[in-house]
Amino acid sequence: MVGGFLPTGTPKDIQEKYYTSLVKVMGDPEIKERFAAMGVQAQASTPDEFKAYLASENTRYAKLISDNKIKAD
């Protein structure tokens, strides 16, 4: 999954405009085709779905790192 980020404190109206524009772009057949050429399925999700995805990935990788005793050099 690929997502976009905005700076903390970005006004709600700007966040909504960004999200609406992103959904429109991700629905464009040419954009979908370009992503498909890279092996990525282009789809838009809601900001809450993306937050949930990031939280689950953080949990997943934290467990992987802990279970395998991976350390940064």
PDB file of N, CA and C in Angstrom:
ATOM      1  N   MET A   1       0.857  -1.172   0.000  1.00  0.00           N
ATOM      2  CA  MET A   1       0.000   0.000   0.000  1.00  0.00           C
ATOM      3  C   MET A   1       0.901   1.231   0.000  1.00  0.00           C
ATOM      4  N   VAL A   2       0.512   2.188  -0.756  1.00  0.00           N
ATOM      5  CA  VAL A   2       1.235   3.448  -0.840  1.00  0.00           C
ATOM      6  C   VAL A   2       0.301   4.532  -0.347  1.00  0.00           C
ATOM      7  N   GLY A   3       0.828   5.483   0.380  1.00  0.00           N
ATOM      8  CA  GLY A   3      -0.020   6.553   0.888  1.00  0.00           C
ATOM      9  C   GLY A   3       0.718   7.878   0.873  1.00  0.00           C
ATOM     10  N   GLY A   4      -0.040   8.902   1.140  1.00  0.00           N
ATOM     11  CA  GLY A   4       0.529  10.239   1.198  1.00  0.00           C
ATOM     12  C   GLY A   4       0.410  10.789   2.610  1.00  0.00           C
ATOM     13  N   PHE A   5       1.282  11.680   2.935  1.00  0.00           N
ATOM     14  CA  PHE A   5       1.290  12.276   4.263  1.00  0.00           C
ATOM     15  C   PHE A   5       1.254  13.795   4.142  1.00  0.00           C
ATOM     16  N   LEU A   6       0.617  14.404   5.103  1.00  0.00           N
ATOM     17  CA  LEU A   6       0.569  15.858   5.189  1.00  0.00           C
ATOM     18  C   LEU A   6       1.198  16.270   6.515  1.00  0.00           C
ATOM     19  N   PRO A   7       1.727  17.478   6.580  1.00  0.00           N
ATOM     20  CA  PRO A   7       2.323  17.927   7.842  1.00  0.00           C
ATOM     21  C   PRO A   7       1.288  17.976   8.967  1.00  0.00           C
ATOM     22  N   THR A   8       1.741  17.699  10.172  1.00  0.00           N
ATOM     23  CA  THR A   8       0.883  17.826  11.347  1.00  0.00           C
ATOM     24  C   THR A   8       0.324  19.237  11.392  1.00  0.00           C
ATOM     25  N   GLY A   9      -0.946  19.335  11.702  1.00  0.00           N
ATOM     26  CA  GLY A   9      -1.574  20.647  11.809  1.00  0.00           C
ATOM     27  C   GLY A   9      -2.153  21.171  10.499  1.00  0.00           C
ATOM     28  N   THR A  10      -2.083  20.384   9.444  1.00  0.00           N
ATOM     29  CA  THR A  10      -2.686  20.801   8.179  1.00  0.00           C
ATOM     30  C   THR A  10      -4.186  20.971   8.403  1.00  0.00           C
ATOM     31  N   PRO A  11      -4.737  22.112   8.010  1.00  0.00           N
ATOM     32  CA  PRO A  11      -6.172  22.353   8.240  1.00  0.00           C
ATOM     33  C   PRO A  11      -7.042  21.273   7.596  1.00  0.00           C
ATOM     34  N   LYS A  12      -8.172  20.976   8.255  1.00  0.00           N
ATOM     35  CA  LYS A  12      -9.085  19.922   7.791  1.00  0.00           C
ATOM     36  C   LYS A  12      -9.522  20.124   6.349  1.00  0.00           C
ATOM     37  N   ASP A  13      -9.806  21.366   5.957  1.00  0.00           N
ATOM     38  CA  ASP A  13     -10.277  21.596   4.593  1.00  0.00           C
ATOM     39  C   ASP A  13      -9.195  21.244   3.566  1.00  0.00           C
ATOM     40  N   ILE A  14      -7.945  21.480   3.904  1.00  0.00           N
ATOM     41  CA  ILE A  14      -6.837  21.118   3.013  1.00  0.00           C
ATOM     42  C   ILE A  14      -6.689  19.597   2.978  1.00  0.00           C
ATOM     43  N   GLN A  15      -6.819  18.942   4.130  1.00  0.00           N
ATOM     44  CA  GLN A  15      -6.747  17.481   4.186  1.00  0.00           C
ATOM     45  C   GLN A  15      -7.823  16.859   3.296  1.00  0.00           C
ATOM     46  N   GLU A  16      -9.033  17.379   3.399  1.00  0.00           N
ATOM     47  CA  GLU A  16     -10.141  16.846   2.606  1.00  0.00           C
ATOM     48  C   GLU A  16      -9.923  17.075   1.110  1.00  0.00           C
ATOM     49  N   LYS A  17      -9.417  18.243   0.760  1.00  0.00           N
ATOM     50  CA  LYS A  17      -9.134  18.544  -0.648  1.00  0.00           C
ATOM     51  C   LYS A  17      -8.052  17.602  -1.185  1.00  0.00           C
ATOM     52  N   TYR A  18      -7.026  17.369  -0.380  1.00  0.00           N
ATOM     53  CA  TYR A  18      -5.945  16.461  -0.763  1.00  0.00           C
ATOM     54  C   TYR A  18      -6.497  15.054  -0.982  1.00  0.00           C
ATOM     55  N   TYR A  19      -7.298  14.583  -0.027  1.00  0.00           N
ATOM     56  CA  TYR A  19      -7.871  13.236  -0.117  1.00  0.00           C
ATOM     57  C   TYR A  19      -8.766  13.108  -1.352  1.00  0.00           C
ATOM     58  N   THR A  20      -9.624  14.085  -1.581  1.00  0.00           N
ATOM     59  CA  THR A  20     -10.525  14.059  -2.734  1.00  0.00           C
ATOM     60  C   THR A  20      -9.733  14.014  -4.038  1.00  0.00           C
ATOM     61  N   SER A  21      -8.676  14.798  -4.113  1.00  0.00           N
ATOM     62  CA  SER A  21      -7.832  14.819  -5.316  1.00  0.00           C
ATOM     63  C   SER A  21      -7.114  13.492  -5.506  1.00  0.00           C
ATOM     64  N   LEU A  22      -6.637  12.922  -4.407  1.00  0.00           N
ATOM     65  CA  LEU A  22      -5.936  11.647  -4.473  1.00  0.00           C
ATOM     66  C   LEU A  22      -6.862  10.536  -4.967  1.00  0.00           C
ATOM     67  N   VAL A  23      -8.085  10.506  -4.474  1.00  0.00           N
ATOM     68  CA  VAL A  23      -9.062   9.503  -4.911  1.00  0.00           C
ATOM     69  C   VAL A  23      -9.321   9.649  -6.410  1.00  0.00           C
ATOM     70  N   LYS A  24      -9.446  10.887  -6.856  1.00  0.00           N
ATOM     71  CA  LYS A  24      -9.697  11.135  -8.278  1.00  0.00           C
ATOM     72  C   LYS A  24      -8.523  10.629  -9.126  1.00  0.00           C
ATOM     73  N   VAL A  25      -7.319  10.947  -8.715  1.00  0.00           N
ATOM     74  CA  VAL A  25      -6.134  10.527  -9.463  1.00  0.00           C
ATOM     75  C   VAL A  25      -6.019   9.006  -9.467  1.00  0.00           C
ATOM     76  N   MET A  26      -6.240   8.377  -8.309  1.00  0.00           N
ATOM     77  CA  MET A  26      -6.099   6.931  -8.217  1.00  0.00           C
ATOM     78  C   MET A  26      -7.169   6.189  -9.021  1.00  0.00           C
ATOM     79  N   GLY A  27      -8.240   6.866  -9.373  1.00  0.00           N
ATOM     80  CA  GLY A  27      -9.286   6.273 -10.194  1.00  0.00           C
ATOM     81  C   GLY A  27      -9.046   6.414 -11.680  1.00  0.00           C
ATOM     82  N   ASP A  28      -8.051   7.179 -12.064  1.00  0.00           N
ATOM     83  CA  ASP A  28      -7.746   7.414 -13.473  1.00  0.00           C
ATOM     84  C   ASP A  28      -7.173   6.138 -14.096  1.00  0.00           C
ATOM     85  N   PRO A  29      -7.763   5.679 -15.210  1.00  0.00           N
ATOM     86  CA  PRO A  29      -7.286   4.446 -15.851  1.00  0.00           C
ATOM     87  C   PRO A  29      -5.796   4.486 -16.230  1.00  0.00           C
ATOM     88  N   GLU A  30      -5.307   5.629 -16.678  1.00  0.00           N
ATOM     89  CA  GLU A  30      -3.888   5.729 -17.045  1.00  0.00           C
ATOM     90  C   GLU A  30      -2.991   5.546 -15.822  1.00  0.00           C
ATOM     91  N   ILE A  31      -3.402   6.123 -14.701  1.00  0.00           N
ATOM     92  CA  ILE A  31      -2.624   5.982 -13.464  1.00  0.00           C
ATOM     93  C   ILE A  31      -2.648   4.522 -13.014  1.00  0.00           C
ATOM     94  N   LYS A  32      -3.822   3.898 -13.065  1.00  0.00           N
ATOM     95  CA  LYS A  32      -3.924   2.487 -12.695  1.00  0.00           C
ATOM     96  C   LYS A  32      -3.008   1.629 -13.557  1.00  0.00           C
ATOM     97  N   GLU A  33      -2.967   1.951 -14.838  1.00  0.00           N
ATOM     98  CA  GLU A  33      -2.122   1.215 -15.768  1.00  0.00           C
ATOM     99  C   GLU A  33      -0.645   1.389 -15.424  1.00  0.00           C
ATOM    100  N   ARG A  34      -0.247   2.599 -15.089  1.00  0.00           N
ATOM    101  CA  ARG A  34       1.155   2.858 -14.724  1.00  0.00           C
ATOM    102  C   ARG A  34       1.541   2.094 -13.460  1.00  0.00           C
ATOM    103  N   PHE A  35       0.652   2.111 -12.478  1.00  0.00           N
ATOM    104  CA  PHE A  35       0.923   1.358 -11.253  1.00  0.00           C
ATOM    105  C   PHE A  35       0.991  -0.136 -11.561  1.00  0.00           C
ATOM    106  N   ALA A  36       0.068  -0.627 -12.387  1.00  0.00           N
ATOM    107  CA  ALA A  36       0.044  -2.047 -12.739  1.00  0.00           C
ATOM    108  C   ALA A  36       1.357  -2.470 -13.396  1.00  0.00           C
ATOM    109  N   ALA A  37       1.926  -1.586 -14.202  1.00  0.00           N
ATOM    110  CA  ALA A  37       3.200  -1.883 -14.858  1.00  0.00           C
ATOM    111  C   ALA A  37       4.323  -2.060 -13.837  1.00  0.00           C
ATOM    112  N   MET A  38       4.141  -1.485 -12.651  1.00  0.00           N
ATOM    113  CA  MET A  38       5.123  -1.636 -11.570  1.00  0.00           C
ATOM    114  C   MET A  38       4.736  -2.759 -10.613  1.00  0.00           C
ATOM    115  N   GLY A  39       3.633  -3.447 -10.930  1.00  0.00           N
ATOM    116  CA  GLY A  39       3.183  -4.535 -10.075  1.00  0.00           C
ATOM    117  C   GLY A  39       2.384  -4.088  -8.869  1.00  0.00           C
ATOM    118  N   VAL A  40       1.818  -2.883  -8.952  1.00  0.00           N
ATOM    119  CA  VAL A  40       1.051  -2.317  -7.843  1.00  0.00           C
ATOM    120  C   VAL A  40      -0.387  -2.108  -8.276  1.00  0.00           C
ATOM    121  N   GLN A  41      -1.320  -2.503  -7.430  1.00  0.00           N
ATOM    122  CA  GLN A  41      -2.734  -2.267  -7.718  1.00  0.00           C
ATOM    123  C   GLN A  41      -3.110  -0.916  -7.114  1.00  0.00           C
ATOM    124  N   ALA A  42      -3.440   0.052  -7.965  1.00  0.00           N
ATOM    125  CA  ALA A  42      -3.789   1.392  -7.501  1.00  0.00           C
ATOM    126  C   ALA A  42      -5.197   1.396  -6.939  1.00  0.00           C
ATOM    127  N   GLN A  43      -5.314   1.827  -5.704  1.00  0.00           N
ATOM    128  CA  GLN A  43      -6.628   1.961  -5.095  1.00  0.00           C
ATOM    129  C   GLN A  43      -6.527   3.003  -3.991  1.00  0.00           C
ATOM    130  N   ALA A  44      -7.617   3.657  -3.758  1.00  0.00           N
ATOM    131  CA  ALA A  44      -7.653   4.672  -2.704  1.00  0.00           C
ATOM    132  C   ALA A  44      -8.364   4.089  -1.494  1.00  0.00           C
ATOM    133  N   SER A  45      -7.951   4.529  -0.337  1.00  0.00           N
ATOM    134  CA  SER A  45      -8.627   4.151   0.896  1.00  0.00           C
ATOM    135  C   SER A  45      -8.894   5.439   1.675  1.00  0.00           C
ATOM    136  N   THR A  46      -9.672   5.312   2.708  1.00  0.00           N
ATOM    137  CA  THR A  46      -9.951   6.494   3.526  1.00  0.00           C
ATOM    138  C   THR A  46      -8.750   6.775   4.426  1.00  0.00           C
ATOM    139  N   PRO A  47      -8.643   7.991   4.919  1.00  0.00           N
ATOM    140  CA  PRO A  47      -7.552   8.296   5.856  1.00  0.00           C
ATOM    141  C   PRO A  47      -7.563   7.357   7.073  1.00  0.00           C
ATOM    142  N   ASP A  48      -8.734   7.018   7.583  1.00  0.00           N
ATOM    143  CA  ASP A  48      -8.807   6.121   8.737  1.00  0.00           C
ATOM    144  C   ASP A  48      -8.336   4.711   8.380  1.00  0.00           C
ATOM    145  N   GLU A  49      -8.670   4.239   7.184  1.00  0.00           N
ATOM    146  CA  GLU A  49      -8.197   2.920   6.746  1.00  0.00           C
ATOM    147  C   GLU A  49      -6.671   2.921   6.619  1.00  0.00           C
ATOM    148  N   PHE A  50      -6.115   4.001   6.113  1.00  0.00           N
ATOM    149  CA  PHE A  50      -4.664   4.090   5.959  1.00  0.00           C
ATOM    150  C   PHE A  50      -3.986   4.129   7.328  1.00  0.00           C
ATOM    151  N   LYS A  51      -4.553   4.880   8.263  1.00  0.00           N
ATOM    152  CA  LYS A  51      -4.005   4.921   9.627  1.00  0.00           C
ATOM    153  C   LYS A  51      -4.022   3.531  10.247  1.00  0.00           C
ATOM    154  N   ALA A  52      -5.120   2.809  10.074  1.00  0.00           N
ATOM    155  CA  ALA A  52      -5.229   1.458  10.615  1.00  0.00           C
ATOM    156  C   ALA A  52      -4.193   0.531   9.971  1.00  0.00           C
ATOM    157  N   TYR A  53      -3.996   0.672   8.674  1.00  0.00           N
ATOM    158  CA  TYR A  53      -2.999  -0.131   7.970  1.00  0.00           C
ATOM    159  C   TYR A  53      -1.608   0.144   8.527  1.00  0.00           C
ATOM    160  N   LEU A  54      -1.268   1.417   8.698  1.00  0.00           N
ATOM    161  CA  LEU A  54       0.054   1.758   9.227  1.00  0.00           C
ATOM    162  C   LEU A  54       0.240   1.212  10.636  1.00  0.00           C
ATOM    163  N   ALA A  55      -0.789   1.303  11.461  1.00  0.00           N
ATOM    164  CA  ALA A  55      -0.706   0.775  12.824  1.00  0.00           C
ATOM    165  C   ALA A  55      -0.477  -0.738  12.802  1.00  0.00           C
ATOM    166  N   SER A  56      -1.191  -1.440  11.923  1.00  0.00           N
ATOM    167  CA  SER A  56      -1.020  -2.897  11.859  1.00  0.00           C
ATOM    168  C   SER A  56       0.373  -3.267  11.353  1.00  0.00           C
ATOM    169  N   GLU A  57       0.895  -2.507  10.400  1.00  0.00           N
ATOM    170  CA  GLU A  57       2.247  -2.763   9.895  1.00  0.00           C
ATOM    171  C   GLU A  57       3.287  -2.495  10.976  1.00  0.00           C
ATOM    172  N   ASN A  58       3.093  -1.423  11.754  1.00  0.00           N
ATOM    173  CA  ASN A  58       4.023  -1.138  12.848  1.00  0.00           C
ATOM    174  C   ASN A  58       4.050  -2.290  13.843  1.00  0.00           C
ATOM    175  N   THR A  59       2.878  -2.793  14.198  1.00  0.00           N
ATOM    176  CA  THR A  59       2.775  -3.920  15.122  1.00  0.00           C
ATOM    177  C   THR A  59       3.448  -5.158  14.533  1.00  0.00           C
ATOM    178  N   ARG A  60       3.158  -5.422  13.286  1.00  0.00           N
ATOM    179  CA  ARG A  60       3.716  -6.597  12.601  1.00  0.00           C
ATOM    180  C   ARG A  60       5.234  -6.573  12.586  1.00  0.00           C
ATOM    181  N   TYR A  61       5.809  -5.432  12.177  1.00  0.00           N
ATOM    182  CA  TYR A  61       7.264  -5.353  12.065  1.00  0.00           C
ATOM    183  C   TYR A  61       7.941  -5.231  13.422  1.00  0.00           C
ATOM    184  N   ALA A  62       7.292  -4.630  14.397  1.00  0.00           N
ATOM    185  CA  ALA A  62       7.861  -4.573  15.747  1.00  0.00           C
ATOM    186  C   ALA A  62       8.008  -5.989  16.293  1.00  0.00           C
ATOM    187  N   LYS A  63       7.000  -6.832  16.067  1.00  0.00           N
ATOM    188  CA  LYS A  63       7.053  -8.226  16.515  1.00  0.00           C
ATOM    189  C   LYS A  63       8.156  -8.979  15.775  1.00  0.00           C
ATOM    190  N   LEU A  64       8.243  -8.796  14.477  1.00  0.00           N
ATOM    191  CA  LEU A  64       9.267  -9.448  13.673  1.00  0.00           C
ATOM    192  C   LEU A  64      10.664  -9.077  14.180  1.00  0.00           C
ATOM    193  N   ILE A  65      10.876  -7.812  14.444  1.00  0.00           N
ATOM    194  CA  ILE A  65      12.171  -7.323  14.924  1.00  0.00           C
ATOM    195  C   ILE A  65      12.472  -7.893  16.299  1.00  0.00           C
ATOM    196  N   SER A  66      11.488  -7.857  17.173  1.00  0.00           N
ATOM    197  CA  SER A  66      11.667  -8.375  18.531  1.00  0.00           C
ATOM    198  C   SER A  66      11.910  -9.884  18.524  1.00  0.00           C
ATOM    199  N   ASP A  67      11.063 -10.627  17.829  1.00  0.00           N
ATOM    200  CA  ASP A  67      11.187 -12.084  17.794  1.00  0.00           C
ATOM    201  C   ASP A  67      12.519 -12.550  17.219  1.00  0.00           C
ATOM    202  N   ASN A  68      13.071 -11.795  16.305  1.00  0.00           N
ATOM    203  CA  ASN A  68      14.319 -12.173  15.651  1.00  0.00           C
ATOM    204  C   ASN A  68      15.538 -11.441  16.205  1.00  0.00           C
ATOM    205  N   LYS A  69      15.292 -10.678  17.269  1.00  0.00           N
ATOM    206  CA  LYS A  69      16.365  -9.948  17.962  1.00  0.00           C
ATOM    207  C   LYS A  69      17.213  -9.120  16.984  1.00  0.00           C
ATOM    208  N   ILE A  70      16.527  -8.454  16.082  1.00  0.00           N
ATOM    209  CA  ILE A  70      17.196  -7.618  15.082  1.00  0.00           C
ATOM    210  C   ILE A  70      17.612  -6.312  15.742  1.00  0.00           C
ATOM    211  N   LYS A  71      18.859  -5.932  15.548  1.00  0.00           N
ATOM    212  CA  LYS A  71      19.403  -4.704  16.130  1.00  0.00           C
ATOM    213  C   LYS A  71      19.975  -3.829  15.021  1.00  0.00           C
ATOM    214  N   ALA A  72      19.855  -2.530  15.201  1.00  0.00           N
ATOM    215  CA  ALA A  72      20.478  -1.593  14.261  1.00  0.00           C
ATOM    216  C   ALA A  72      21.969  -1.508  14.566  1.00  0.00           C
ATOM    217  N   ASP A  73      22.759  -1.390  13.549  1.00  0.00           N
ATOM    218  CA  ASP A  73      24.226  -1.254  13.759  1.00  0.00           C
ATOM    219  C   ASP A  73      24.571   0.159  14.087  1.00  0.00           C
TER     220      ASP A  73
END
